[in-house]
Amino acid sequence: MTTQTKSTPMMYAHITSPIGPISLAGDGATLSFVGLPESRHPLNIPAGWTRRPQAFAEAKRQFDAYFAGELIEFDLPVEPQGTEFQQRVWKALCTIPYATTISYAELARRVGNPKASRAVGLANGANPLSIIVPCHRVIGANGSLTGYGGGLKAKQILLDLERRHAPPAAFSLSS
């Protein structure tokens, strides 16, 4: 993932999902935003953007497969916009296996700054590619569901969906 300035026309679409309407935005070649129904960072569509659902046909197909339990990892061209630190956190989020969770402290350790749990939490909350970059897999140190930009109800639904459809190997203990 790299930070890049957009100069191409932006497009957007809305798709349906079990957690409600999901907003997608990008330039037609790459996806730069996924917004959930109760998002703290909703998609504000500037003048000049074009509603173009067909530009997101592959994203829609993959989201449908994910919600059907048939897809455990997205394969879409993405360009999330953020600081270097946010990019590191988002990259680390992508290493959390399907149907598993880690704490904010563990995520901070994975990005090389074990004392940065709060900063990691803020970067996690600024994730512009919800679900694709699986920030819903980060929970409190005590196992509780803590803040989620799409709402705790959506976070619980996503975690339950993944646990329901996880391959058996996801829950096996390595020896």
N, C-alpha and C. Protein backbone atom coordinates (compact mmCIF):
# COMPACT_ATOMS: atom_id res chain seq x y z
N MET A 1 0.84 -1.18 0.00
CA MET A 1 0.00 0.00 0.00
C MET A 1 0.88 1.24 0.00
N THR A 2 0.52 2.17 -0.83
CA THR A 2 1.28 3.40 -0.89
C THR A 2 0.37 4.60 -0.84
N THR A 3 0.90 5.68 -0.35
CA THR A 3 0.15 6.93 -0.34
C THR A 3 0.39 7.61 -1.68
N GLN A 4 -0.68 8.05 -2.30
CA GLN A 4 -0.57 8.66 -3.61
C GLN A 4 -1.63 9.72 -3.75
N THR A 5 -1.33 10.77 -4.48
CA THR A 5 -2.30 11.82 -4.72
C THR A 5 -3.14 11.45 -5.93
N LYS A 6 -4.43 11.56 -5.78
CA LYS A 6 -5.35 11.23 -6.87
C LYS A 6 -5.51 12.41 -7.81
N SER A 7 -5.36 12.14 -9.11
CA SER A 7 -5.61 13.18 -10.09
C SER A 7 -6.64 12.71 -11.11
N THR A 8 -7.01 11.44 -11.03
CA THR A 8 -8.01 10.91 -11.95
C THR A 8 -9.39 11.10 -11.34
N PRO A 9 -10.41 11.13 -12.19
CA PRO A 9 -11.78 11.31 -11.68
C PRO A 9 -12.17 10.17 -10.74
N MET A 10 -12.84 10.52 -9.67
CA MET A 10 -13.27 9.53 -8.70
C MET A 10 -14.69 9.08 -8.99
N MET A 11 -14.93 7.81 -8.67
CA MET A 11 -16.23 7.19 -8.85
C MET A 11 -16.68 6.58 -7.53
N TYR A 12 -17.97 6.37 -7.42
CA TYR A 12 -18.48 5.75 -6.20
C TYR A 12 -19.68 4.88 -6.54
N ALA A 13 -20.01 4.01 -5.60
CA ALA A 13 -21.18 3.14 -5.73
C ALA A 13 -21.57 2.70 -4.32
N HIS A 14 -22.77 2.20 -4.22
CA HIS A 14 -23.25 1.64 -2.97
C HIS A 14 -23.69 0.21 -3.26
N ILE A 15 -23.31 -0.71 -2.39
CA ILE A 15 -23.72 -2.10 -2.55
C ILE A 15 -24.45 -2.53 -1.29
N THR A 16 -25.26 -3.55 -1.40
CA THR A 16 -26.00 -4.06 -0.24
C THR A 16 -25.19 -5.17 0.41
N SER A 17 -25.40 -5.32 1.72
CA SER A 17 -24.72 -6.37 2.46
C SER A 17 -25.55 -6.71 3.69
N PRO A 18 -25.22 -7.80 4.37
CA PRO A 18 -25.94 -8.15 5.60
C PRO A 18 -25.79 -7.13 6.73
N ILE A 19 -24.80 -6.24 6.64
CA ILE A 19 -24.65 -5.23 7.68
C ILE A 19 -25.20 -3.88 7.22
N GLY A 20 -25.82 -3.86 6.04
CA GLY A 20 -26.40 -2.63 5.51
C GLY A 20 -25.63 -2.17 4.28
N PRO A 21 -25.98 -0.99 3.76
CA PRO A 21 -25.32 -0.51 2.54
C PRO A 21 -23.85 -0.17 2.79
N ILE A 22 -23.02 -0.59 1.86
CA ILE A 22 -21.59 -0.32 1.91
C ILE A 22 -21.27 0.64 0.76
N SER A 23 -20.52 1.70 1.07
CA SER A 23 -20.11 2.68 0.06
C SER A 23 -18.71 2.32 -0.44
N LEU A 24 -18.52 2.41 -1.73
CA LEU A 24 -17.22 2.15 -2.35
C LEU A 24 -16.82 3.38 -3.15
N ALA A 25 -15.53 3.69 -3.15
CA ALA A 25 -15.04 4.81 -3.95
C ALA A 25 -13.64 4.49 -4.45
N GLY A 26 -13.35 5.00 -5.62
CA GLY A 26 -12.04 4.81 -6.22
C GLY A 26 -12.00 5.45 -7.58
N ASP A 27 -10.94 5.18 -8.29
CA ASP A 27 -10.78 5.80 -9.60
C ASP A 27 -11.21 4.90 -10.75
N GLY A 28 -11.78 3.76 -10.44
CA GLY A 28 -12.21 2.82 -11.47
C GLY A 28 -11.21 1.69 -11.63
N ALA A 29 -9.94 1.96 -11.37
CA ALA A 29 -8.91 0.92 -11.43
C ALA A 29 -8.57 0.42 -10.03
N THR A 30 -8.61 1.33 -9.05
CA THR A 30 -8.28 0.96 -7.67
C THR A 30 -9.36 1.47 -6.72
N LEU A 31 -9.49 0.76 -5.63
CA LEU A 31 -10.46 1.12 -4.60
C LEU A 31 -9.71 1.90 -3.52
N SER A 32 -10.26 3.03 -3.11
CA SER A 32 -9.59 3.82 -2.07
C SER A 32 -10.44 4.02 -0.83
N PHE A 33 -11.70 3.58 -0.87
CA PHE A 33 -12.57 3.78 0.29
C PHE A 33 -13.67 2.73 0.32
N VAL A 34 -13.89 2.18 1.52
CA VAL A 34 -15.02 1.29 1.79
C VAL A 34 -15.66 1.83 3.06
N GLY A 35 -16.90 2.27 2.96
CA GLY A 35 -17.59 2.84 4.11
C GLY A 35 -18.75 1.96 4.55
N LEU A 36 -18.85 1.76 5.85
CA LEU A 36 -19.92 0.94 6.40
C LEU A 36 -21.09 1.80 6.84
N PRO A 37 -22.27 1.19 7.03
CA PRO A 37 -23.48 1.96 7.33
C PRO A 37 -23.36 2.90 8.52
N GLU A 38 -22.72 2.47 9.60
CA GLU A 38 -22.60 3.33 10.79
C GLU A 38 -21.21 3.94 10.91
N SER A 39 -20.57 4.14 9.78
CA SER A 39 -19.19 4.60 9.76
C SER A 39 -19.01 5.95 10.45
N ARG A 40 -17.93 6.04 11.23
CA ARG A 40 -17.55 7.32 11.83
C ARG A 40 -17.00 8.26 10.76
N HIS A 41 -16.57 7.67 9.65
CA HIS A 41 -16.00 8.43 8.54
C HIS A 41 -16.81 8.14 7.28
N PRO A 42 -18.02 8.70 7.18
CA PRO A 42 -18.86 8.40 6.02
C PRO A 42 -18.28 9.00 4.74
N LEU A 43 -18.71 8.44 3.64
CA LEU A 43 -18.28 8.93 2.34
C LEU A 43 -19.04 10.22 2.02
N ASN A 44 -18.31 11.31 1.97
CA ASN A 44 -18.89 12.58 1.54
C ASN A 44 -18.51 12.75 0.08
N ILE A 45 -19.50 12.73 -0.78
CA ILE A 45 -19.25 12.72 -2.22
C ILE A 45 -19.11 14.15 -2.74
N PRO A 46 -17.89 14.51 -3.12
CA PRO A 46 -17.67 15.86 -3.65
C PRO A 46 -18.28 16.03 -5.04
N ALA A 47 -18.52 17.27 -5.41
CA ALA A 47 -18.97 17.57 -6.76
C ALA A 47 -17.90 17.06 -7.72
N GLY A 48 -18.32 16.53 -8.82
CA GLY A 48 -17.38 16.04 -9.81
C GLY A 48 -17.16 14.54 -9.75
N TRP A 49 -17.57 13.90 -8.66
CA TRP A 49 -17.48 12.45 -8.60
C TRP A 49 -18.65 11.87 -9.38
N THR A 50 -18.45 10.68 -9.93
CA THR A 50 -19.47 10.03 -10.75
C THR A 50 -19.95 8.75 -10.09
N ARG A 51 -21.27 8.60 -10.03
CA ARG A 51 -21.83 7.34 -9.53
C ARG A 51 -21.70 6.32 -10.65
N ARG A 52 -20.93 5.27 -10.40
CA ARG A 52 -20.68 4.29 -11.45
C ARG A 52 -20.58 2.89 -10.85
N PRO A 53 -21.71 2.24 -10.57
CA PRO A 53 -21.69 0.91 -9.96
C PRO A 53 -20.89 -0.12 -10.75
N GLN A 54 -20.94 -0.04 -12.09
CA GLN A 54 -20.24 -1.05 -12.89
C GLN A 54 -18.72 -1.00 -12.69
N ALA A 55 -18.19 0.13 -12.26
CA ALA A 55 -16.74 0.25 -12.00
C ALA A 55 -16.32 -0.60 -10.81
N PHE A 56 -17.30 -0.99 -9.99
CA PHE A 56 -17.00 -1.75 -8.78
C PHE A 56 -17.59 -3.16 -8.83
N ALA A 57 -17.81 -3.68 -10.04
CA ALA A 57 -18.42 -4.99 -10.20
C ALA A 57 -17.59 -6.09 -9.52
N GLU A 58 -16.26 -6.04 -9.66
CA GLU A 58 -15.41 -7.06 -9.04
C GLU A 58 -15.42 -6.91 -7.52
N ALA A 59 -15.39 -5.70 -7.02
CA ALA A 59 -15.47 -5.49 -5.57
C ALA A 59 -16.80 -6.02 -5.05
N LYS A 60 -17.88 -5.74 -5.75
CA LYS A 60 -19.20 -6.24 -5.33
C LYS A 60 -19.20 -7.77 -5.32
N ARG A 61 -18.63 -8.38 -6.36
CA ARG A 61 -18.58 -9.83 -6.43
C ARG A 61 -17.82 -10.40 -5.24
N GLN A 62 -16.68 -9.78 -4.90
CA GLN A 62 -15.89 -10.28 -3.78
C GLN A 62 -16.58 -10.04 -2.44
N PHE A 63 -17.23 -8.91 -2.28
CA PHE A 63 -17.98 -8.68 -1.03
C PHE A 63 -19.11 -9.70 -0.91
N ASP A 64 -19.84 -9.96 -1.99
CA ASP A 64 -20.91 -10.96 -1.96
C ASP A 64 -20.35 -12.33 -1.56
N ALA A 65 -19.20 -12.70 -2.12
CA ALA A 65 -18.57 -13.98 -1.79
C ALA A 65 -18.12 -14.01 -0.33
N TYR A 66 -17.58 -12.89 0.15
CA TYR A 66 -17.16 -12.81 1.55
C TYR A 66 -18.36 -13.01 2.48
N PHE A 67 -19.43 -12.30 2.22
CA PHE A 67 -20.61 -12.41 3.09
C PHE A 67 -21.30 -13.77 2.97
N ALA A 68 -21.07 -14.48 1.86
CA ALA A 68 -21.61 -15.83 1.70
C ALA A 68 -20.68 -16.87 2.34
N GLY A 69 -19.55 -16.43 2.87
CA GLY A 69 -18.60 -17.35 3.48
C GLY A 69 -17.73 -18.08 2.48
N GLU A 70 -17.67 -17.59 1.26
CA GLU A 70 -16.92 -18.25 0.20
C GLU A 70 -15.57 -17.58 -0.09
N LEU A 71 -15.28 -16.46 0.54
CA LEU A 71 -14.03 -15.72 0.30
C LEU A 71 -13.43 -15.34 1.64
N ILE A 72 -12.16 -15.71 1.83
CA ILE A 72 -11.52 -15.37 3.10
C ILE A 72 -10.48 -14.27 2.95
N GLU A 73 -10.10 -13.95 1.72
CA GLU A 73 -9.13 -12.88 1.50
C GLU A 73 -9.49 -12.14 0.21
N PHE A 74 -9.58 -10.83 0.31
CA PHE A 74 -9.90 -10.02 -0.86
C PHE A 74 -8.68 -9.90 -1.76
N ASP A 75 -8.93 -9.82 -3.06
CA ASP A 75 -7.87 -9.63 -4.04
C ASP A 75 -8.30 -8.52 -4.98
N LEU A 76 -8.15 -7.30 -4.49
CA LEU A 76 -8.56 -6.12 -5.24
C LEU A 76 -7.42 -5.11 -5.25
N PRO A 77 -7.28 -4.35 -6.33
CA PRO A 77 -6.29 -3.27 -6.30
C PRO A 77 -6.81 -2.14 -5.40
N VAL A 78 -6.01 -1.78 -4.41
CA VAL A 78 -6.43 -0.76 -3.44
C VAL A 78 -5.34 0.31 -3.29
N GLU A 79 -5.77 1.51 -2.94
CA GLU A 79 -4.85 2.62 -2.67
C GLU A 79 -5.39 3.45 -1.51
N PRO A 80 -5.22 2.92 -0.30
CA PRO A 80 -5.67 3.72 0.85
C PRO A 80 -4.77 4.93 1.04
N GLN A 81 -5.36 6.03 1.37
CA GLN A 81 -4.60 7.27 1.59
C GLN A 81 -4.38 7.46 3.08
N GLY A 82 -3.11 7.60 3.48
CA GLY A 82 -2.82 7.80 4.89
C GLY A 82 -1.35 8.09 5.11
N THR A 83 -1.02 8.36 6.36
CA THR A 83 0.37 8.64 6.72
C THR A 83 1.20 7.37 6.63
N GLU A 84 2.50 7.53 6.73
CA GLU A 84 3.39 6.37 6.71
C GLU A 84 3.06 5.42 7.87
N PHE A 85 2.81 5.97 9.06
CA PHE A 85 2.47 5.13 10.21
C PHE A 85 1.15 4.40 9.97
N GLN A 86 0.14 5.10 9.48
CA GLN A 86 -1.14 4.46 9.19
C GLN A 86 -0.96 3.33 8.18
N GLN A 87 -0.17 3.57 7.16
CA GLN A 87 0.09 2.55 6.14
C GLN A 87 0.71 1.29 6.77
N ARG A 88 1.65 1.49 7.72
CA ARG A 88 2.27 0.35 8.39
C ARG A 88 1.23 -0.43 9.19
N VAL A 89 0.37 0.30 9.89
CA VAL A 89 -0.67 -0.37 10.68
C VAL A 89 -1.62 -1.13 9.75
N TRP A 90 -2.04 -0.50 8.67
CA TRP A 90 -2.98 -1.16 7.76
C TRP A 90 -2.36 -2.39 7.11
N LYS A 91 -1.08 -2.32 6.81
CA LYS A 91 -0.38 -3.47 6.25
C LYS A 91 -0.35 -4.60 7.28
N ALA A 92 -0.10 -4.27 8.54
CA ALA A 92 -0.09 -5.27 9.60
C ALA A 92 -1.48 -5.88 9.79
N LEU A 93 -2.52 -5.09 9.64
CA LEU A 93 -3.88 -5.62 9.75
C LEU A 93 -4.12 -6.72 8.73
N CYS A 94 -3.55 -6.57 7.56
CA CYS A 94 -3.75 -7.55 6.48
C CYS A 94 -3.08 -8.89 6.78
N THR A 95 -2.23 -8.94 7.80
CA THR A 95 -1.59 -10.20 8.17
C THR A 95 -2.38 -10.99 9.22
N ILE A 96 -3.46 -10.41 9.73
CA ILE A 96 -4.27 -11.12 10.73
C ILE A 96 -5.11 -12.14 9.98
N PRO A 97 -4.93 -13.41 10.28
CA PRO A 97 -5.67 -14.44 9.55
C PRO A 97 -7.19 -14.33 9.73
N TYR A 98 -7.89 -14.76 8.72
CA TYR A 98 -9.35 -14.84 8.71
C TYR A 98 -9.81 -15.57 9.96
N ALA A 99 -10.85 -15.06 10.59
CA ALA A 99 -11.51 -15.68 11.75
C ALA A 99 -10.67 -15.67 13.01
N THR A 100 -9.61 -14.86 13.06
CA THR A 100 -8.83 -14.74 14.28
C THR A 100 -8.82 -13.27 14.70
N THR A 101 -8.48 -13.05 15.95
CA THR A 101 -8.41 -11.69 16.47
C THR A 101 -7.09 -11.49 17.20
N ILE A 102 -6.68 -10.23 17.29
CA ILE A 102 -5.52 -9.85 18.09
C ILE A 102 -5.89 -8.59 18.86
N SER A 103 -5.10 -8.27 19.86
CA SER A 103 -5.33 -7.06 20.65
C SER A 103 -4.63 -5.87 20.02
N TYR A 104 -5.00 -4.69 20.46
CA TYR A 104 -4.32 -3.47 20.00
C TYR A 104 -2.85 -3.51 20.42
N ALA A 105 -2.56 -4.05 21.60
CA ALA A 105 -1.18 -4.16 22.07
C ALA A 105 -0.37 -5.06 21.14
N GLU A 106 -0.97 -6.16 20.72
CA GLU A 106 -0.28 -7.07 19.79
C GLU A 106 -0.06 -6.38 18.44
N LEU A 107 -1.03 -5.64 17.99
CA LEU A 107 -0.88 -4.92 16.72
C LEU A 107 0.25 -3.89 16.84
N ALA A 108 0.32 -3.20 17.98
CA ALA A 108 1.41 -2.23 18.20
C ALA A 108 2.76 -2.94 18.16
N ARG A 109 2.83 -4.11 18.76
CA ARG A 109 4.07 -4.88 18.74
C ARG A 109 4.44 -5.25 17.29
N ARG A 110 3.45 -5.65 16.52
CA ARG A 110 3.70 -6.05 15.13
C ARG A 110 4.19 -4.91 14.25
N VAL A 111 3.82 -3.67 14.58
CA VAL A 111 4.31 -2.54 13.78
C VAL A 111 5.61 -1.97 14.35
N GLY A 112 6.15 -2.65 15.36
CA GLY A 112 7.46 -2.27 15.87
C GLY A 112 7.47 -1.23 16.96
N ASN A 113 6.31 -0.96 17.58
CA ASN A 113 6.25 0.03 18.64
C ASN A 113 5.28 -0.45 19.72
N PRO A 114 5.75 -1.36 20.60
CA PRO A 114 4.86 -1.98 21.58
C PRO A 114 4.15 -1.02 22.52
N LYS A 115 4.65 0.19 22.66
CA LYS A 115 4.02 1.16 23.57
C LYS A 115 3.02 2.06 22.85
N ALA A 116 2.77 1.80 21.58
CA ALA A 116 1.92 2.68 20.77
C ALA A 116 0.50 2.16 20.59
N SER A 117 -0.04 1.47 21.58
CA SER A 117 -1.39 0.91 21.43
C SER A 117 -2.43 1.97 21.07
N ARG A 118 -2.33 3.12 21.70
CA ARG A 118 -3.29 4.19 21.44
C ARG A 118 -3.16 4.71 20.00
N ALA A 119 -1.93 4.95 19.56
CA ALA A 119 -1.69 5.43 18.19
C ALA A 119 -2.13 4.39 17.16
N VAL A 120 -1.88 3.13 17.48
CA VAL A 120 -2.32 2.04 16.61
C VAL A 120 -3.84 2.02 16.54
N GLY A 121 -4.49 2.23 17.67
CA GLY A 121 -5.95 2.28 17.69
C GLY A 121 -6.50 3.40 16.82
N LEU A 122 -5.85 4.55 16.88
CA LEU A 122 -6.28 5.68 16.04
C LEU A 122 -6.08 5.37 14.56
N ALA A 123 -4.95 4.77 14.21
CA ALA A 123 -4.69 4.40 12.81
C ALA A 123 -5.68 3.33 12.36
N ASN A 124 -5.96 2.40 13.25
CA ASN A 124 -6.94 1.35 12.96
C ASN A 124 -8.30 1.99 12.67
N GLY A 125 -8.68 2.97 13.48
CA GLY A 125 -9.96 3.64 13.30
C GLY A 125 -10.03 4.50 12.05
N ALA A 126 -8.88 4.87 11.50
CA ALA A 126 -8.84 5.69 10.29
C ALA A 126 -8.74 4.84 9.03
N ASN A 127 -8.79 3.53 9.18
CA ASN A 127 -8.69 2.61 8.04
C ASN A 127 -9.78 2.94 7.01
N PRO A 128 -9.39 3.32 5.79
CA PRO A 128 -10.39 3.68 4.79
C PRO A 128 -10.93 2.48 3.99
N LEU A 129 -10.43 1.28 4.28
CA LEU A 129 -10.85 0.10 3.52
C LEU A 129 -11.40 -0.98 4.44
N SER A 130 -12.43 -0.62 5.20
CA SER A 130 -13.04 -1.56 6.13
C SER A 130 -13.33 -2.89 5.45
N ILE A 131 -13.19 -3.94 6.21
CA ILE A 131 -13.39 -5.33 5.83
C ILE A 131 -12.24 -5.83 4.96
N ILE A 132 -11.91 -5.13 3.88
CA ILE A 132 -10.79 -5.55 3.03
C ILE A 132 -9.50 -5.52 3.84
N VAL A 133 -9.26 -4.42 4.52
CA VAL A 133 -8.17 -4.32 5.49
C VAL A 133 -8.87 -4.60 6.83
N PRO A 134 -8.70 -5.81 7.37
CA PRO A 134 -9.59 -6.30 8.42
C PRO A 134 -9.38 -5.72 9.82
N CYS A 135 -9.69 -4.46 9.97
CA CYS A 135 -9.57 -3.81 11.28
C CYS A 135 -10.57 -4.36 12.29
N HIS A 136 -11.62 -5.04 11.81
CA HIS A 136 -12.61 -5.63 12.72
C HIS A 136 -12.01 -6.78 13.53
N ARG A 137 -10.84 -7.27 13.15
CA ARG A 137 -10.21 -8.39 13.84
C ARG A 137 -9.35 -7.94 15.03
N VAL A 138 -9.38 -6.66 15.35
CA VAL A 138 -8.62 -6.15 16.49
C VAL A 138 -9.60 -5.90 17.63
N ILE A 139 -9.28 -6.47 18.79
CA ILE A 139 -10.17 -6.39 19.95
C ILE A 139 -9.39 -5.91 21.17
N GLY A 140 -10.11 -5.66 22.24
CA GLY A 140 -9.47 -5.23 23.48
C GLY A 140 -8.62 -6.35 24.08
N ALA A 141 -7.66 -5.98 24.92
CA ALA A 141 -6.76 -6.95 25.55
C ALA A 141 -7.52 -7.98 26.37
N ASN A 142 -8.68 -7.60 26.89
CA ASN A 142 -9.48 -8.52 27.70
C ASN A 142 -10.46 -9.33 26.86
N GLY A 143 -10.35 -9.23 25.53
CA GLY A 143 -11.23 -9.99 24.64
C GLY A 143 -12.52 -9.28 24.28
N SER A 144 -12.71 -8.07 24.81
CA SER A 144 -13.96 -7.35 24.53
C SER A 144 -13.90 -6.68 23.16
N LEU A 145 -15.08 -6.51 22.60
CA LEU A 145 -15.17 -5.76 21.35
C LEU A 145 -15.07 -4.29 21.71
N THR A 146 -14.06 -3.66 21.20
CA THR A 146 -13.90 -2.23 21.45
C THR A 146 -14.07 -1.51 20.13
N GLY A 147 -14.17 -0.22 20.18
CA GLY A 147 -14.43 0.64 19.04
C GLY A 147 -14.26 0.03 17.67
N TYR A 148 -15.18 0.33 16.81
CA TYR A 148 -15.11 -0.07 15.41
C TYR A 148 -15.80 1.02 14.61
N GLY A 149 -15.12 1.51 13.60
CA GLY A 149 -15.64 2.61 12.79
C GLY A 149 -16.99 2.32 12.17
N GLY A 150 -17.33 1.05 11.99
CA GLY A 150 -18.62 0.70 11.40
C GLY A 150 -19.66 0.33 12.44
N GLY A 151 -19.31 0.48 13.72
CA GLY A 151 -20.24 0.15 14.80
C GLY A 151 -19.96 -1.24 15.36
N LEU A 152 -20.17 -1.40 16.65
CA LEU A 152 -19.89 -2.68 17.30
C LEU A 152 -20.79 -3.80 16.81
N LYS A 153 -22.02 -3.48 16.43
CA LYS A 153 -22.92 -4.51 15.91
C LYS A 153 -22.35 -5.09 14.61
N ALA A 154 -21.86 -4.24 13.72
CA ALA A 154 -21.25 -4.71 12.47
C ALA A 154 -20.00 -5.54 12.76
N LYS A 155 -19.19 -5.09 13.72
CA LYS A 155 -17.97 -5.82 14.08
C LYS A 155 -18.32 -7.22 14.54
N GLN A 156 -19.33 -7.34 15.40
CA GLN A 156 -19.75 -8.65 15.90
C GLN A 156 -20.25 -9.53 14.76
N ILE A 157 -21.03 -8.96 13.85
CA ILE A 157 -21.53 -9.72 12.70
C ILE A 157 -20.37 -10.24 11.85
N LEU A 158 -19.39 -9.39 11.59
CA LEU A 158 -18.24 -9.79 10.77
C LEU A 158 -17.44 -10.91 11.45
N LEU A 159 -17.17 -10.76 12.73
CA LEU A 159 -16.41 -11.78 13.45
C LEU A 159 -17.18 -13.10 13.51
N ASP A 160 -18.49 -13.04 13.76
CA ASP A 160 -19.31 -14.25 13.78
C ASP A 160 -19.34 -14.92 12.41
N LEU A 161 -19.47 -14.13 11.37
CA LEU A 161 -19.49 -14.67 10.01
C LEU A 161 -18.18 -15.41 9.73
N GLU A 162 -17.06 -14.80 10.07
CA GLU A 162 -15.77 -15.43 9.81
C GLU A 162 -15.60 -16.71 10.62
N ARG A 163 -16.01 -16.70 11.86
CA ARG A 163 -15.90 -17.91 12.68
C ARG A 163 -16.77 -19.03 12.15
N ARG A 164 -17.93 -18.66 11.67
CA ARG A 164 -18.87 -19.65 11.10
C ARG A 164 -18.31 -20.31 9.85
N HIS A 165 -17.58 -19.55 9.05
CA HIS A 165 -17.12 -20.05 7.75
C HIS A 165 -15.63 -20.35 7.69
N ALA A 166 -14.95 -20.28 8.82
CA ALA A 166 -13.50 -20.50 8.83
C ALA A 166 -13.17 -21.95 8.49
N PRO A 167 -12.11 -22.13 7.73
CA PRO A 167 -11.65 -23.52 7.50
C PRO A 167 -11.24 -24.13 8.84
N PRO A 168 -11.44 -25.42 9.04
CA PRO A 168 -11.09 -26.05 10.31
C PRO A 168 -9.65 -25.76 10.75
N ALA A 169 -8.73 -25.65 9.83
CA ALA A 169 -7.32 -25.39 10.18
C ALA A 169 -7.14 -24.06 10.90
N ALA A 170 -8.07 -23.12 10.71
CA ALA A 170 -7.95 -21.82 11.35
C ALA A 170 -8.01 -21.93 12.88
N PHE A 171 -8.61 -23.01 13.38
CA PHE A 171 -8.77 -23.16 14.82
C PHE A 171 -7.88 -24.24 15.42
N SER A 172 -7.06 -24.87 14.59
CA SER A 172 -6.21 -25.94 15.12
C SER A 172 -4.98 -25.34 15.80
N LEU A 173 -4.48 -26.04 16.76
CA LEU A 173 -3.27 -25.63 17.48
C LEU A 173 -2.06 -26.24 16.77
N SER A 174 -1.05 -25.42 16.59
CA SER A 174 0.16 -25.96 15.98
C SER A 174 1.01 -26.62 17.05
N SER A 175 1.71 -27.66 16.68
CA SER A 175 2.51 -28.39 17.67
C SER A 175 3.96 -27.98 17.64
